[in-house]
Protein backbone atom coordinates (compact mmCIF):
# COMPACT_ATOMS: atom_id res chain seq x y z
CA UNK A 1 31.46 -37.65 37.67
CA UNK A 2 28.39 -38.75 39.63
CA UNK A 3 26.85 -40.73 37.22
CA UNK A 4 30.28 -42.45 36.39
CA UNK A 5 31.02 -43.54 39.59
CA UNK A 6 27.05 -44.81 39.78
CA UNK A 7 27.40 -46.76 36.82
CA UNK A 8 31.00 -47.72 36.79
CA UNK A 9 30.77 -49.56 39.90
CA UNK A 10 27.72 -50.81 40.25
CA UNK A 11 26.98 -54.07 41.57
CA UNK A 12 30.54 -53.87 42.94
CA UNK A 13 29.94 -53.06 46.62
CA UNK A 14 33.52 -53.28 48.37
CA UNK A 15 35.20 -51.72 45.16
CA UNK A 16 32.73 -49.00 44.72
CA UNK A 17 33.39 -48.12 48.69
CA UNK A 18 36.48 -48.27 48.32
CA UNK A 19 36.98 -45.66 45.31
CA UNK A 20 34.35 -43.25 46.92
CA UNK A 21 36.52 -43.35 50.47
CA UNK A 22 39.31 -42.06 48.56
CA UNK A 23 37.39 -39.09 46.63
CA UNK A 24 37.45 -35.60 48.21
CA UNK A 25 34.78 -35.01 51.01
CA UNK A 26 32.57 -32.59 48.54
CA UNK A 27 32.43 -35.48 45.62
CA UNK A 28 31.87 -38.21 48.19
CA UNK A 29 29.20 -36.40 49.96
CA UNK A 30 27.58 -35.68 46.34
CA UNK A 31 27.61 -39.23 45.38
CA UNK A 32 25.92 -40.64 48.76
CA UNK A 33 23.42 -37.70 48.36
CA UNK A 34 22.41 -38.73 45.01
CA UNK A 35 22.51 -42.49 45.68
CA UNK A 36 20.11 -42.04 48.93
CA UNK A 37 17.85 -39.72 47.16
CA UNK A 38 17.33 -42.47 43.99
CA UNK A 39 16.97 -44.87 46.87
CA UNK A 40 14.04 -42.66 48.50
CA UNK A 41 12.57 -41.96 45.24
CA UNK A 42 12.26 -45.57 44.16
CA UNK A 43 10.37 -46.64 47.09
CA UNK A 44 6.72 -47.21 46.84
CA UNK A 45 6.06 -45.46 50.22
CA UNK A 46 7.53 -42.12 48.66
CA UNK A 47 6.64 -42.33 44.99
CA UNK A 48 6.03 -39.05 43.64
CA UNK A 49 6.54 -36.96 46.64
CA UNK A 50 8.30 -33.75 46.57
CA UNK A 51 11.88 -33.44 45.77
CA UNK A 52 12.16 -30.99 48.87
CA UNK A 53 10.79 -33.77 51.22
CA UNK A 54 13.08 -36.51 49.49
CA UNK A 55 16.12 -34.17 50.10
CA UNK A 56 15.11 -33.71 53.82
CA UNK A 57 14.65 -37.33 54.34
CA UNK A 58 18.18 -38.15 52.72
CA UNK A 59 19.77 -35.64 54.98
CA UNK A 60 18.39 -37.23 58.05
CA UNK A 61 19.35 -41.09 56.90
CA UNK A 62 22.01 -43.17 58.87
CA UNK A 63 23.93 -45.71 57.30
CA UNK A 64 24.29 -49.19 58.66
CA UNK A 65 25.94 -52.34 57.40
CA UNK A 66 24.93 -55.94 58.10
CA UNK A 67 26.83 -59.04 57.43
CA UNK A 68 25.37 -62.18 56.65
CA UNK A 69 23.11 -63.99 59.18
CA UNK A 70 22.97 -60.44 61.50
CA UNK A 71 19.73 -60.09 62.57
CA UNK A 72 18.38 -56.50 61.50
CA UNK A 73 15.52 -56.75 63.92
CA UNK A 74 13.33 -59.22 65.47
CA UNK A 75 9.62 -59.53 66.05
CA UNK A 76 8.61 -58.03 69.29
CA UNK A 77 11.54 -55.42 68.98
CA UNK A 78 10.90 -51.99 69.37
CA UNK A 79 10.19 -50.17 66.12
CA UNK A 80 12.78 -47.16 66.20
CA UNK A 81 13.26 -47.01 62.46
CA UNK A 82 11.94 -46.97 58.56
CA UNK A 83 14.74 -48.85 56.78
CA UNK A 84 15.62 -48.48 53.26
CA UNK A 85 17.55 -51.48 51.68
CA UNK A 86 20.51 -50.03 49.34
CA UNK A 87 22.13 -52.66 48.29
CA UNK A 88 21.90 -56.70 49.58
CA UNK A 89 19.11 -59.36 50.49
CA UNK A 90 17.50 -59.77 53.70
CA UNK A 91 14.90 -62.79 54.54
CA UNK A 92 11.51 -62.06 56.22
CA UNK A 93 10.45 -64.47 59.01
CA UNK A 94 7.03 -64.38 60.93
CA UNK A 95 6.87 -64.67 64.44
CA UNK A 96 6.48 -68.24 64.19
CA UNK A 97 9.82 -68.87 62.67
CA UNK A 98 8.46 -69.48 59.08
CA UNK A 99 10.49 -67.86 56.49
CA UNK A 100 8.01 -66.22 53.80
CA UNK A 101 10.16 -64.20 51.51
CA UNK A 102 13.31 -62.29 50.80
CA UNK A 103 13.44 -58.27 49.96
CA UNK A 104 16.43 -57.00 47.56
CA UNK A 105 17.65 -53.76 46.49
CA UNK A 106 15.63 -50.88 46.88
CA UNK A 107 13.04 -52.34 49.31
CA UNK A 108 11.81 -50.47 52.15
CA UNK A 109 10.47 -52.20 55.41
CA UNK A 110 9.48 -51.54 59.09
CA UNK A 111 7.09 -49.01 58.71
CA UNK A 112 4.56 -51.66 60.28
CA UNK A 113 5.92 -51.49 63.67
CA UNK A 114 6.63 -47.69 62.96
CA UNK A 115 3.16 -46.74 62.09
CA UNK A 116 0.71 -48.95 64.07
CA UNK A 117 -0.02 -47.85 67.62
CA UNK A 118 -2.30 -51.02 68.20
CA UNK A 119 1.12 -53.29 67.89
CA UNK A 120 2.69 -50.82 70.41
CA UNK A 121 5.08 -49.81 67.77
CA UNK A 122 6.82 -53.35 67.85
CA UNK A 123 7.84 -55.25 64.57
CA UNK A 124 5.75 -58.33 63.82
CA UNK A 125 8.17 -59.76 61.78
CA UNK A 126 11.67 -60.51 61.97
CA UNK A 127 14.48 -59.36 59.38
CA UNK A 128 17.83 -61.07 58.57
CA UNK A 129 20.39 -60.37 56.41
CA UNK A 130 21.48 -62.79 53.80
CA UNK A 131 24.80 -61.22 52.49
CA UNK A 132 26.48 -57.78 53.51
CA UNK A 133 23.40 -55.32 53.39
CA UNK A 134 23.72 -51.59 53.04
CA UNK A 135 20.71 -50.02 55.24
CA UNK A 136 19.65 -46.71 55.44
CA UNK A 137 17.76 -45.96 58.47
CA UNK A 138 15.11 -42.96 59.34
CA UNK A 139 15.03 -42.66 62.62
CA UNK A 140 11.22 -42.44 63.88
CA UNK A 141 11.41 -38.92 65.29
CA UNK A 142 12.90 -37.43 61.78
CA UNK A 143 9.96 -39.86 59.97
CA UNK A 144 7.22 -37.86 62.61
CA UNK A 145 9.07 -34.62 62.18
CA UNK A 146 9.19 -34.73 58.14
CA UNK A 147 6.01 -36.94 57.46
CA UNK A 148 3.43 -35.98 60.09
CA UNK A 149 2.87 -32.41 58.47
CA UNK A 150 1.85 -34.00 55.31
CA UNK A 151 -1.63 -35.95 56.21
CA UNK A 152 -1.99 -37.23 52.63
CA UNK A 153 1.44 -39.00 52.58
CA UNK A 154 1.18 -39.96 56.06
CA UNK A 155 -2.13 -41.60 55.81
CA UNK A 156 -1.16 -43.62 52.85
CA UNK A 157 2.24 -44.84 54.39
CA UNK A 158 -0.05 -46.06 57.61
CA UNK A 159 -2.68 -47.63 54.98
CA UNK A 160 0.41 -49.40 53.33
CA UNK A 161 1.51 -50.58 56.88
CA UNK A 162 -2.13 -51.70 57.41
CA UNK A 163 -2.15 -53.58 54.46
CA UNK A 164 1.08 -55.46 55.03
CA UNK A 165 0.01 -56.11 59.07
CA UNK A 166 -3.11 -57.74 57.61
CA UNK A 167 -1.05 -59.78 55.08
CA UNK A 168 1.39 -61.00 58.11
CA UNK A 169 -1.81 -61.80 60.47
CA UNK A 170 -3.37 -63.93 57.72
CA UNK A 171 -0.02 -65.43 56.90
CA UNK A 172 0.63 -66.53 60.62
CA UNK A 173 -2.86 -67.86 61.03
CA UNK A 174 -3.17 -69.81 58.01
CA UNK A 175 0.56 -71.25 58.80
CA UNK A 176 -0.78 -72.20 61.92
CA UNK A 177 -3.27 -74.49 60.32
CA UNK A 178 -2.66 -75.62 56.59
CA UNK A 179 0.30 -73.74 55.70
CA UNK A 180 0.42 -70.46 53.28
CA UNK A 181 1.50 -70.45 49.95
CA UNK A 182 1.24 -66.75 48.87
CA UNK A 183 3.84 -64.61 48.24
CA UNK A 184 4.96 -62.10 50.98
CA UNK A 185 3.43 -58.80 50.04
CA UNK A 186 6.41 -56.48 50.34
CA UNK A 187 7.75 -54.95 47.22
CA UNK A 188 10.78 -56.24 45.71
CA UNK A 189 9.99 -59.39 47.22
CA UNK A 190 11.00 -62.90 45.86
CA UNK A 191 10.18 -66.47 47.29
CA UNK A 192 12.81 -68.15 49.14
CA UNK A 193 15.27 -70.50 47.08
CA UNK A 194 14.50 -73.98 47.43
CA UNK A 195 16.60 -76.08 49.33
CA UNK A 196 16.72 -79.44 50.59
CA UNK A 197 14.47 -80.14 53.66
CA UNK A 198 17.25 -81.09 55.87
CA UNK A 199 19.35 -78.23 54.75
CA UNK A 200 16.65 -75.78 54.92
CA UNK A 201 15.42 -76.74 58.18
CA UNK A 202 18.98 -76.56 59.74
CA UNK A 203 19.40 -73.23 58.63
CA UNK A 204 16.16 -71.81 59.85
CA UNK A 205 16.57 -73.60 63.53
CA UNK A 206 20.18 -71.70 63.62
CA UNK A 207 18.51 -68.27 62.24
CA UNK A 208 15.48 -69.03 64.93
CA UNK A 209 18.59 -69.07 67.71
CA UNK A 210 20.03 -65.81 66.24
CA UNK A 211 16.52 -64.06 66.36
CA UNK A 212 15.91 -65.49 69.85
CA UNK A 213 19.23 -64.39 70.88
CA UNK A 214 18.75 -60.97 69.78
CA UNK A 215 14.95 -60.99 71.73
CA UNK A 216 16.70 -61.77 74.96
CA UNK A 217 19.12 -58.96 74.70
CA UNK A 218 16.39 -56.70 73.92
CA UNK A 219 14.45 -57.74 76.94
């Protein structure tokens, strides 16, 4: 039955949620658990980790929906969660406001601010939903509780965070001078869709305003 609901409604976000909502609670929980387990296992950060750890992470996850143009987090925000993108597309922006790429289904993000004390545990980048996004959040305290006791895994995730942070710093430095034409380093990233310069700049200004409003609310 889990396989049926997983494949029958694949890619039909609202229909899937409506169907699952009418299932008995035991089956509904089993469907959610199976979907989240696959989401965590497919993340490059947690690939090939013990199933027991994956199950513990799934239990700790919090689900959140974001509508188009919602700011998931802004550059400089305190990093409270590791994010797992189950469905949808988000755009990634440098602190300069430059859009550098899109993240799609099964991507994970937010570990840079979560892991790196040298950045005061704050996000280096901004992330904005481009469509309805289903995102699962792993709170920092749960991440520390589950991953910190496993030094090899913890150090691997920290190394990935440091690599991404170096990429972000390099992109911002080059963007300030001659521009930057390299794809963003996050997994599942795809370049931004080409649009006319007028519409692209208008949308970018609007997004920057939304990000700045969120920053002001968090001050």
